[in-house]
Amino acid sequence: ASGEEDPAGGGAGEQGGDAERRAAERFVTDLLARG
């Protein structure tokens, strides 16, 4: 709501939730790895 990026997406159903969580973790990991 504050305009910040939320890599977890929020509100995902059960089936898509796990894939979205993994994608969000990868997004953050990649940002950190690249500095």
Full PDB file with SEQRES, HELIX, SHEET, SSBOND, CRYST1, ORIGX, SCALE, CONECT and MASTER records, all heavy atoms in Angstrom:
SEQRES   1 A   35  ALA SER GLY GLU GLU ASP PRO ALA GLY GLY GLY ALA GLY          
SEQRES   2 A   35  GLU GLN GLY GLY ASP ALA GLU ARG ARG ALA ALA GLU ARG          
SEQRES   3 A   35  PHE VAL THR ASP LEU LEU ALA ARG GLY                          
HELIX    1 AA1 GLU A   14  ALA A   33  1                                  20    
CRYST1    1.000    1.000    1.000  90.00  90.00  90.00 P 1           1          
ORIGX1      1.000000  0.000000  0.000000        0.00000                         
ORIGX2      0.000000  1.000000  0.000000        0.00000                         
ORIGX3      0.000000  0.000000  1.000000        0.00000                         
SCALE1      1.000000  0.000000  0.000000        0.00000                         
SCALE2      0.000000  1.000000  0.000000        0.00000                         
SCALE3      0.000000  0.000000  1.000000        0.00000                         
ATOM      1  N   ALA A   1       0.818  -1.211   0.000  1.00  0.00           N  
ATOM      2  CA  ALA A   1       0.000   0.000   0.000  1.00  0.00           C  
ATOM      3  C   ALA A   1       0.852   1.260   0.000  1.00  0.00           C  
ATOM      4  O   ALA A   1       0.435   2.304  -0.493  1.00  0.00           O  
ATOM      5  CB  ALA A   1      -0.931  -0.002   1.204  1.00  0.00           C  
ATOM      6  N   SER A   2       2.064   1.173   0.542  1.00  0.00           N  
ATOM      7  CA  SER A   2       2.933   2.348   0.597  1.00  0.00           C  
ATOM      8  C   SER A   2       3.735   2.531  -0.686  1.00  0.00           C  
ATOM      9  O   SER A   2       4.586   3.407  -0.767  1.00  0.00           O  
ATOM     10  CB  SER A   2       3.880   2.242   1.793  1.00  0.00           C  
ATOM     11  OG  SER A   2       4.714   1.109   1.648  1.00  0.00           O  
ATOM     12  N   GLY A   3       3.494   1.679  -1.694  1.00  0.00           N  
ATOM     13  CA  GLY A   3       4.191   1.814  -2.966  1.00  0.00           C  
ATOM     14  C   GLY A   3       5.488   1.040  -3.033  1.00  0.00           C  
ATOM     15  O   GLY A   3       6.197   1.096  -4.021  1.00  0.00           O  
ATOM     16  N   GLU A   4       5.814   0.287  -1.976  1.00  0.00           N  
ATOM     17  CA  GLU A   4       7.031  -0.514  -1.984  1.00  0.00           C  
ATOM     18  C   GLU A   4       6.783  -1.800  -2.753  1.00  0.00           C  
ATOM     19  O   GLU A   4       5.672  -2.299  -2.813  1.00  0.00           O  
ATOM     20  CB  GLU A   4       7.449  -0.844  -0.553  1.00  0.00           C  
ATOM     21  CG  GLU A   4       7.793   0.378   0.263  1.00  0.00           C  
ATOM     22  CD  GLU A   4       8.108   0.030   1.701  1.00  0.00           C  
ATOM     23  OE1 GLU A   4       7.745  -1.076   2.147  1.00  0.00           O  
ATOM     24  OE2 GLU A   4       8.702   0.866   2.367  1.00  0.00           O  
ATOM     25  N   GLU A   5       7.836  -2.349  -3.336  1.00  0.00           N  
ATOM     26  CA  GLU A   5       7.714  -3.615  -4.039  1.00  0.00           C  
ATOM     27  C   GLU A   5       7.533  -4.714  -3.011  1.00  0.00           C  
ATOM     28  O   GLU A   5       8.197  -4.741  -1.997  1.00  0.00           O  
ATOM     29  CB  GLU A   5       8.976  -3.897  -4.862  1.00  0.00           C  
ATOM     30  CG  GLU A   5       9.161  -2.935  -6.010  1.00  0.00           C  
ATOM     31  CD  GLU A   5      10.417  -3.221  -6.787  1.00  0.00           C  
ATOM     32  OE1 GLU A   5      10.754  -4.392  -6.969  1.00  0.00           O  
ATOM     33  OE2 GLU A   5      11.064  -2.264  -7.201  1.00  0.00           O  
ATOM     34  N   ASP A   6       6.607  -5.620  -3.250  1.00  0.00           N  
ATOM     35  CA  ASP A   6       6.368  -6.765  -2.377  1.00  0.00           C  
ATOM     36  C   ASP A   6       6.624  -8.015  -3.195  1.00  0.00           C  
ATOM     37  O   ASP A   6       5.761  -8.464  -3.932  1.00  0.00           O  
ATOM     38  CB  ASP A   6       4.931  -6.743  -1.854  1.00  0.00           C  
ATOM     39  CG  ASP A   6       4.633  -7.904  -0.922  1.00  0.00           C  
ATOM     40  OD1 ASP A   6       5.567  -8.672  -0.592  1.00  0.00           O  
ATOM     41  OD2 ASP A   6       3.469  -8.036  -0.527  1.00  0.00           O  
ATOM     42  N   PRO A   7       7.849  -8.599  -3.092  1.00  0.00           N  
ATOM     43  CA  PRO A   7       8.181  -9.729  -3.930  1.00  0.00           C  
ATOM     44  C   PRO A   7       7.311 -10.946  -3.676  1.00  0.00           C  
ATOM     45  O   PRO A   7       7.222 -11.826  -4.504  1.00  0.00           O  
ATOM     46  CB  PRO A   7       9.643 -10.020  -3.613  1.00  0.00           C  
ATOM     47  CG  PRO A   7       9.932  -9.326  -2.350  1.00  0.00           C  
ATOM     48  CD  PRO A   7       8.934  -8.215  -2.217  1.00  0.00           C  
ATOM     49  N   ALA A   8       6.622 -11.030  -2.541  1.00  0.00           N  
ATOM     50  CA  ALA A   8       5.758 -12.170  -2.263  1.00  0.00           C  
ATOM     51  C   ALA A   8       4.450 -12.071  -3.032  1.00  0.00           C  
ATOM     52  O   ALA A   8       3.723 -13.039  -3.139  1.00  0.00           O  
ATOM     53  CB  ALA A   8       5.476 -12.259  -0.768  1.00  0.00           C  
ATOM     54  N   GLY A   9       4.132 -10.918  -3.564  1.00  0.00           N  
ATOM     55  CA  GLY A   9       2.942 -10.757  -4.377  1.00  0.00           C  
ATOM     56  C   GLY A   9       1.688 -10.556  -3.565  1.00  0.00           C  
ATOM     57  O   GLY A   9       0.930  -9.660  -3.800  1.00  0.00           O  
ATOM     58  N   GLY A  10       1.463 -11.364  -2.573  1.00  0.00           N  
ATOM     59  CA  GLY A  10       0.298 -11.220  -1.706  1.00  0.00           C  
ATOM     60  C   GLY A  10      -0.968 -11.708  -2.364  1.00  0.00           C  
ATOM     61  O   GLY A  10      -1.218 -11.482  -3.529  1.00  0.00           O  
ATOM     62  N   GLY A  11      -1.797 -12.427  -1.632  1.00  0.00           N  
ATOM     63  CA  GLY A  11      -3.099 -12.845  -2.109  1.00  0.00           C  
ATOM     64  C   GLY A  11      -3.082 -13.994  -3.100  1.00  0.00           C  
ATOM     65  O   GLY A  11      -4.073 -14.271  -3.741  1.00  0.00           O  
ATOM     66  N   ALA A  12      -1.988 -14.686  -3.244  1.00  0.00           N  
ATOM     67  CA  ALA A  12      -1.912 -15.783  -4.204  1.00  0.00           C  
ATOM     68  C   ALA A  12      -2.645 -17.001  -3.661  1.00  0.00           C  
ATOM     69  O   ALA A  12      -2.676 -17.239  -2.473  1.00  0.00           O  
ATOM     70  CB  ALA A  12      -0.454 -16.136  -4.484  1.00  0.00           C  
ATOM     71  N   GLY A  13      -3.221 -17.790  -4.549  1.00  0.00           N  
ATOM     72  CA  GLY A  13      -3.886 -19.019  -4.157  1.00  0.00           C  
ATOM     73  C   GLY A  13      -2.875 -20.069  -3.746  1.00  0.00           C  
ATOM     74  O   GLY A  13      -1.669 -19.902  -3.899  1.00  0.00           O  
ATOM     75  N   GLU A  14      -3.365 -21.176  -3.233  1.00  0.00           N  
ATOM     76  CA  GLU A  14      -2.493 -22.238  -2.752  1.00  0.00           C  
ATOM     77  C   GLU A  14      -1.560 -22.769  -3.834  1.00  0.00           C  
ATOM     78  O   GLU A  14      -0.395 -22.982  -3.600  1.00  0.00           O  
ATOM     79  CB  GLU A  14      -3.336 -23.385  -2.196  1.00  0.00           C  
ATOM     80  CG  GLU A  14      -3.950 -23.088  -0.851  1.00  0.00           C  
ATOM     81  CD  GLU A  14      -2.920 -22.974   0.260  1.00  0.00           C  
ATOM     82  OE1 GLU A  14      -1.967 -23.772   0.289  1.00  0.00           O  
ATOM     83  OE2 GLU A  14      -3.069 -22.076   1.090  1.00  0.00           O  
ATOM     84  N   GLN A  15      -2.063 -23.004  -5.045  1.00  0.00           N  
ATOM     85  CA  GLN A  15      -1.247 -23.617  -6.086  1.00  0.00           C  
ATOM     86  C   GLN A  15      -0.151 -22.700  -6.581  1.00  0.00           C  
ATOM     87  O   GLN A  15       0.962 -23.139  -6.807  1.00  0.00           O  
ATOM     88  CB  GLN A  15      -2.125 -24.065  -7.250  1.00  0.00           C  
ATOM     89  CG  GLN A  15      -3.044 -25.205  -6.873  1.00  0.00           C  
ATOM     90  CD  GLN A  15      -3.805 -25.736  -8.061  1.00  0.00           C  
ATOM     91  OE1 GLN A  15      -3.684 -25.222  -9.164  1.00  0.00           O  
ATOM     92  NE2 GLN A  15      -4.597 -26.764  -7.848  1.00  0.00           N  
ATOM     93  N   GLY A  16      -0.444 -21.427  -6.775  1.00  0.00           N  
ATOM     94  CA  GLY A  16       0.551 -20.505  -7.281  1.00  0.00           C  
ATOM     95  C   GLY A  16       1.433 -19.929  -6.199  1.00  0.00           C  
ATOM     96  O   GLY A  16       2.465 -19.350  -6.489  1.00  0.00           O  
ATOM     97  N   GLY A  17       1.049 -20.088  -4.942  1.00  0.00           N  
ATOM     98  CA  GLY A  17       1.774 -19.486  -3.834  1.00  0.00           C  
ATOM     99  C   GLY A  17       3.206 -19.970  -3.705  1.00  0.00           C  
ATOM    100  O   GLY A  17       4.121 -19.183  -3.468  1.00  0.00           O  
ATOM    101  N   ASP A  18       3.425 -21.268  -3.852  1.00  0.00           N  
ATOM    102  CA  ASP A  18       4.765 -21.816  -3.695  1.00  0.00           C  
ATOM    103  C   ASP A  18       5.684 -21.343  -4.813  1.00  0.00           C  
ATOM    104  O   ASP A  18       6.829 -20.963  -4.571  1.00  0.00           O  
ATOM    105  CB  ASP A  18       4.710 -23.339  -3.649  1.00  0.00           C  
ATOM    106  CG  ASP A  18       6.028 -23.947  -3.208  1.00  0.00           C  
ATOM    107  OD1 ASP A  18       6.595 -23.455  -2.207  1.00  0.00           O  
ATOM    108  OD2 ASP A  18       6.487 -24.896  -3.869  1.00  0.00           O  
ATOM    109  N   ALA A  19       5.188 -21.334  -6.037  1.00  0.00           N  
ATOM    110  CA  ALA A  19       5.991 -20.871  -7.171  1.00  0.00           C  
ATOM    111  C   ALA A  19       6.298 -19.386  -7.033  1.00  0.00           C  
ATOM    112  O   ALA A  19       7.418 -18.948  -7.313  1.00  0.00           O  
ATOM    113  CB  ALA A  19       5.269 -21.144  -8.487  1.00  0.00           C  
ATOM    114  N   GLU A  20       5.320 -18.608  -6.579  1.00  0.00           N  
ATOM    115  CA  GLU A  20       5.551 -17.173  -6.389  1.00  0.00           C  
ATOM    116  C   GLU A  20       6.548 -16.917  -5.266  1.00  0.00           C  
ATOM    117  O   GLU A  20       7.374 -16.019  -5.363  1.00  0.00           O  
ATOM    118  CB  GLU A  20       4.234 -16.458  -6.109  1.00  0.00           C  
ATOM    119  CG  GLU A  20       3.380 -16.344  -7.339  1.00  0.00           C  
ATOM    120  CD  GLU A  20       2.147 -15.494  -7.106  1.00  0.00           C  
ATOM    121  OE1 GLU A  20       2.169 -14.655  -6.184  1.00  0.00           O  
ATOM    122  OE2 GLU A  20       1.180 -15.662  -7.845  1.00  0.00           O  
ATOM    123  N   ARG A  21       6.472 -17.718  -4.204  1.00  0.00           N  
ATOM    124  CA  ARG A  21       7.410 -17.564  -3.092  1.00  0.00           C  
ATOM    125  C   ARG A  21       8.838 -17.851  -3.561  1.00  0.00           C  
ATOM    126  O   ARG A  21       9.757 -17.100  -3.256  1.00  0.00           O  
ATOM    127  CB  ARG A  21       7.036 -18.500  -1.942  1.00  0.00           C  
ATOM    128  CG  ARG A  21       7.960 -18.365  -0.729  1.00  0.00           C  
ATOM    129  CD  ARG A  21       7.720 -19.445   0.303  1.00  0.00           C  
ATOM    130  NE  ARG A  21       7.748 -20.789  -0.229  1.00  0.00           N  
ATOM    131  CZ  ARG A  21       8.865 -21.469  -0.518  1.00  0.00           C  
ATOM    132  NH1 ARG A  21      10.040 -20.899  -0.343  1.00  0.00           N  
ATOM    133  NH2 ARG A  21       8.812 -22.687  -0.993  1.00  0.00           N  
ATOM    134  N   ARG A  22       9.005 -18.923  -4.345  1.00  0.00           N  
ATOM    135  CA  ARG A  22      10.341 -19.256  -4.864  1.00  0.00           C  
ATOM    136  C   ARG A  22      10.855 -18.157  -5.796  1.00  0.00           C  
ATOM    137  O   ARG A  22      12.034 -17.799  -5.756  1.00  0.00           O  
ATOM    138  CB  ARG A  22      10.311 -20.599  -5.585  1.00  0.00           C  
ATOM    139  CG  ARG A  22      10.225 -21.771  -4.644  1.00  0.00           C  
ATOM    140  CD  ARG A  22      10.511 -23.098  -5.336  1.00  0.00           C  
ATOM    141  NE  ARG A  22       9.790 -23.286  -6.586  1.00  0.00           N  
ATOM    142  CZ  ARG A  22       8.600 -23.852  -6.703  1.00  0.00           C  
ATOM    143  NH1 ARG A  22       7.980 -24.296  -5.641  1.00  0.00           N  
ATOM    144  NH2 ARG A  22       8.030 -23.978  -7.886  1.00  0.00           N  
ATOM    145  N   ALA A  23       9.972 -17.624  -6.640  1.00  0.00           N  
ATOM    146  CA  ALA A  23      10.376 -16.549  -7.553  1.00  0.00           C  
ATOM    147  C   ALA A  23      10.772 -15.305  -6.769  1.00  0.00           C  
ATOM    148  O   ALA A  23      11.746 -14.627  -7.117  1.00  0.00           O  
ATOM    149  CB  ALA A  23       9.248 -16.234  -8.528  1.00  0.00           C  
ATOM    150  N   ALA A  24      10.042 -15.001  -5.706  1.00  0.00           N  
ATOM    151  CA  ALA A  24      10.348 -13.834  -4.881  1.00  0.00           C  
ATOM    152  C   ALA A  24      11.686 -14.006  -4.177  1.00  0.00           C  
ATOM    153  O   ALA A  24      12.505 -13.079  -4.129  1.00  0.00           O  
ATOM    154  CB  ALA A  24       9.240 -13.611  -3.857  1.00  0.00           C  
ATOM    155  N   GLU A  25      11.928 -15.207  -3.655  1.00  0.00           N  
ATOM    156  CA  GLU A  25      13.209 -15.468  -3.002  1.00  0.00           C  
ATOM    157  C   GLU A  25      14.357 -15.338  -3.995  1.00  0.00           C  
ATOM    158  O   GLU A  25      15.409 -14.784  -3.667  1.00  0.00           O  
ATOM    159  CB  GLU A  25      13.207 -16.862  -2.378  1.00  0.00           C  
ATOM    160  CG  GLU A  25      12.309 -16.977  -1.169  1.00  0.00           C  
ATOM    161  CD  GLU A  25      12.166 -18.396  -0.666  1.00  0.00           C  
ATOM    162  OE1 GLU A  25      12.701 -19.338  -1.313  1.00  0.00           O  
ATOM    163  OE2 GLU A  25      11.499 -18.574   0.368  1.00  0.00           O  
ATOM    164  N   ARG A  26      14.150 -15.832  -5.198  1.00  0.00           N  
ATOM    165  CA  ARG A  26      15.184 -15.746  -6.234  1.00  0.00           C  
ATOM    166  C   ARG A  26      15.449 -14.293  -6.627  1.00  0.00           C  
ATOM    167  O   ARG A  26      16.596 -13.887  -6.819  1.00  0.00           O  
ATOM    168  CB  ARG A  26      14.743 -16.559  -7.461  1.00  0.00           C  
ATOM    169  CG  ARG A  26      15.717 -16.558  -8.597  1.00  0.00           C  
ATOM    170  CD  ARG A  26      17.005 -17.271  -8.189  1.00  0.00           C  
ATOM    171  NE  ARG A  26      18.006 -17.148  -9.207  1.00  0.00           N  
ATOM    172  CZ  ARG A  26      18.423 -18.157  -9.940  1.00  0.00           C  
ATOM    173  NH1 ARG A  26      17.940 -19.359  -9.758  1.00  0.00           N  
ATOM    174  NH2 ARG A  26      19.330 -17.962 -10.854  1.00  0.00           N  
ATOM    175  N   PHE A  27      14.387 -13.495  -6.732  1.00  0.00           N  
ATOM    176  CA  PHE A  27      14.505 -12.074  -7.057  1.00  0.00           C  
ATOM    177  C   PHE A  27      15.386 -11.369  -6.028  1.00  0.00           C  
ATOM    178  O   PHE A  27      16.343 -10.667  -6.378  1.00  0.00           O  
ATOM    179  CB  PHE A  27      13.104 -11.457  -7.095  1.00  0.00           C  
ATOM    180  CG  PHE A  27      13.078  -9.968  -7.280  1.00  0.00           C  
ATOM    181  CD1 PHE A  27      13.400  -9.400  -8.501  1.00  0.00           C  
ATOM    182  CD2 PHE A  27      12.722  -9.132  -6.238  1.00  0.00           C  
ATOM    183  CE1 PHE A  27      13.371  -8.014  -8.676  1.00  0.00           C  
ATOM    184  CE2 PHE A  27      12.686  -7.759  -6.400  1.00  0.00           C  
ATOM    185  CZ  PHE A  27      13.011  -7.207  -7.624  1.00  0.00           C  
ATOM    186  N   VAL A  28      15.109 -11.580  -4.750  1.00  0.00           N  
ATOM    187  CA  VAL A  28      15.880 -10.929  -3.687  1.00  0.00           C  
ATOM    188  C   VAL A  28      17.310 -11.458  -3.670  1.00  0.00           C  
ATOM    189  O   VAL A  28      18.269 -10.682  -3.577  1.00  0.00           O  
ATOM    190  CB  VAL A  28      15.194 -11.126  -2.318  1.00  0.00           C  
ATOM    191  CG1 VAL A  28      16.077 -10.599  -1.193  1.00  0.00           C  
ATOM    192  CG2 VAL A  28      13.848 -10.433  -2.298  1.00  0.00           C  
ATOM    193  N   THR A  29      17.478 -12.774  -3.796  1.00  0.00           N  
ATOM    194  CA  THR A  29      18.816 -13.373  -3.802  1.00  0.00           C  
ATOM    195  C   THR A  29      19.654 -12.815  -4.943  1.00  0.00           C  
ATOM    196  O   THR A  29      20.833 -12.489  -4.754  1.00  0.00           O  
ATOM    197  CB  THR A  29      18.713 -14.911  -3.925  1.00  0.00           C  
ATOM    198  OG1 THR A  29      17.961 -15.404  -2.812  1.00  0.00           O  
ATOM    199  CG2 THR A  29      20.079 -15.561  -3.942  1.00  0.00           C  
ATOM    200  N   ASP A  30      19.061 -12.693  -6.120  1.00  0.00           N  
ATOM    201  CA  ASP A  30      19.789 -12.164  -7.275  1.00  0.00           C  
ATOM    202  C   ASP A  30      20.177 -10.701  -7.074  1.00  0.00           C  
ATOM    203  O   ASP A  30      21.291 -10.301  -7.425  1.00  0.00           O  
ATOM    204  CB  ASP A  30      18.966 -12.312  -8.551  1.00  0.00           C  
ATOM    205  CG  ASP A  30      18.866 -13.751  -9.031  1.00  0.00           C  
ATOM    206  OD1 ASP A  30      19.587 -14.617  -8.498  1.00  0.00           O  
ATOM    207  OD2 ASP A  30      18.049 -14.007  -9.940  1.00  0.00           O  
ATOM    208  N   LEU A  31      19.271  -9.892  -6.524  1.00  0.00           N  
ATOM    209  CA  LEU A  31      19.602  -8.488  -6.245  1.00  0.00           C  
ATOM    210  C   LEU A  31      20.794  -8.397  -5.298  1.00  0.00           C  
ATOM    211  O   LEU A  31      21.725  -7.604  -5.512  1.00  0.00           O  
ATOM    212  CB  LEU A  31      18.409  -7.754  -5.611  1.00  0.00           C  
ATOM    213  CG  LEU A  31      17.268  -7.340  -6.509  1.00  0.00           C  
ATOM    214  CD1 LEU A  31      16.126  -6.775  -5.664  1.00  0.00           C  
ATOM    215  CD2 LEU A  31      17.715  -6.306  -7.534  1.00  0.00           C  
ATOM    216  N   LEU A  32      20.769  -9.207  -4.235  1.00  0.00           N  
ATOM    217  CA  LEU A  32      21.857  -9.190  -3.258  1.00  0.00           C  
ATOM    218  C   LEU A  32      23.166  -9.682  -3.877  1.00  0.00           C  
ATOM    219  O   LEU A  32      24.222  -9.098  -3.652  1.00  0.00           O  
ATOM    220  CB  LEU A  32      21.483 -10.044  -2.045  1.00  0.00           C  
ATOM    221  CG  LEU A  32      20.355  -9.484  -1.177  1.00  0.00           C  
ATOM    222  CD1 LEU A  32      19.832 -10.557  -0.223  1.00  0.00           C  
ATOM    223  CD2 LEU A  32      20.815  -8.256  -0.414  1.00  0.00           C  
ATOM    224  N   ALA A  33      23.095 -10.739  -4.684  1.00  0.00           N  
ATOM    225  CA  ALA A  33      24.293 -11.309  -5.311  1.00  0.00           C  
ATOM    226  C   ALA A  33      24.955 -10.319  -6.264  1.00  0.00           C  
ATOM    227  O   ALA A  33      26.189 -10.283  -6.373  1.00  0.00           O  
ATOM    228  CB  ALA A  33      23.941 -12.591  -6.055  1.00  0.00           C  
ATOM    229  N   ARG A  34      24.148  -9.525  -6.956  1.00  0.00           N  
ATOM    230  CA  ARG A  34      24.697  -8.540  -7.892  1.00  0.00           C  
ATOM    231  C   ARG A  34      25.140  -7.257  -7.198  1.00  0.00           C  
ATOM    232  O   ARG A  34      25.658  -6.349  -7.850  1.00  0.00           O  
ATOM    233  CB  ARG A  34      23.648  -8.199  -8.954  1.00  0.00           C  
ATOM    234  CG  ARG A  34      23.352  -9.311  -9.922  1.00  0.00           C  
ATOM    235  CD  ARG A  34      22.513  -8.835 -11.095  1.00  0.00           C  
ATOM    236  NE  ARG A  34      21.281  -8.190 -10.697  1.00  0.00           N  
ATOM    237  CZ  ARG A  34      20.092  -8.775 -10.586  1.00  0.00           C  
ATOM    238  NH1 ARG A  34      19.983 -10.070 -10.848  1.00  0.00           N  
ATOM    239  NH2 ARG A  34      19.027  -8.102 -10.239  1.00  0.00           N  
ATOM    240  N   GLY A  35      24.917  -7.151  -5.902  1.00  0.00           N  
ATOM    241  CA  GLY A  35      25.295  -5.941  -5.178  1.00  0.00           C  
ATOM    242  C   GLY A  35      24.332  -4.790  -5.413  1.00  0.00           C  
ATOM    243  O   GLY A  35      24.655  -3.641  -5.128  1.00  0.00           O  
TER     244      GLY A  35                                                      
MASTER        0    0    0    1    0    0    0    6  243    1    0    3          
END                                                                             
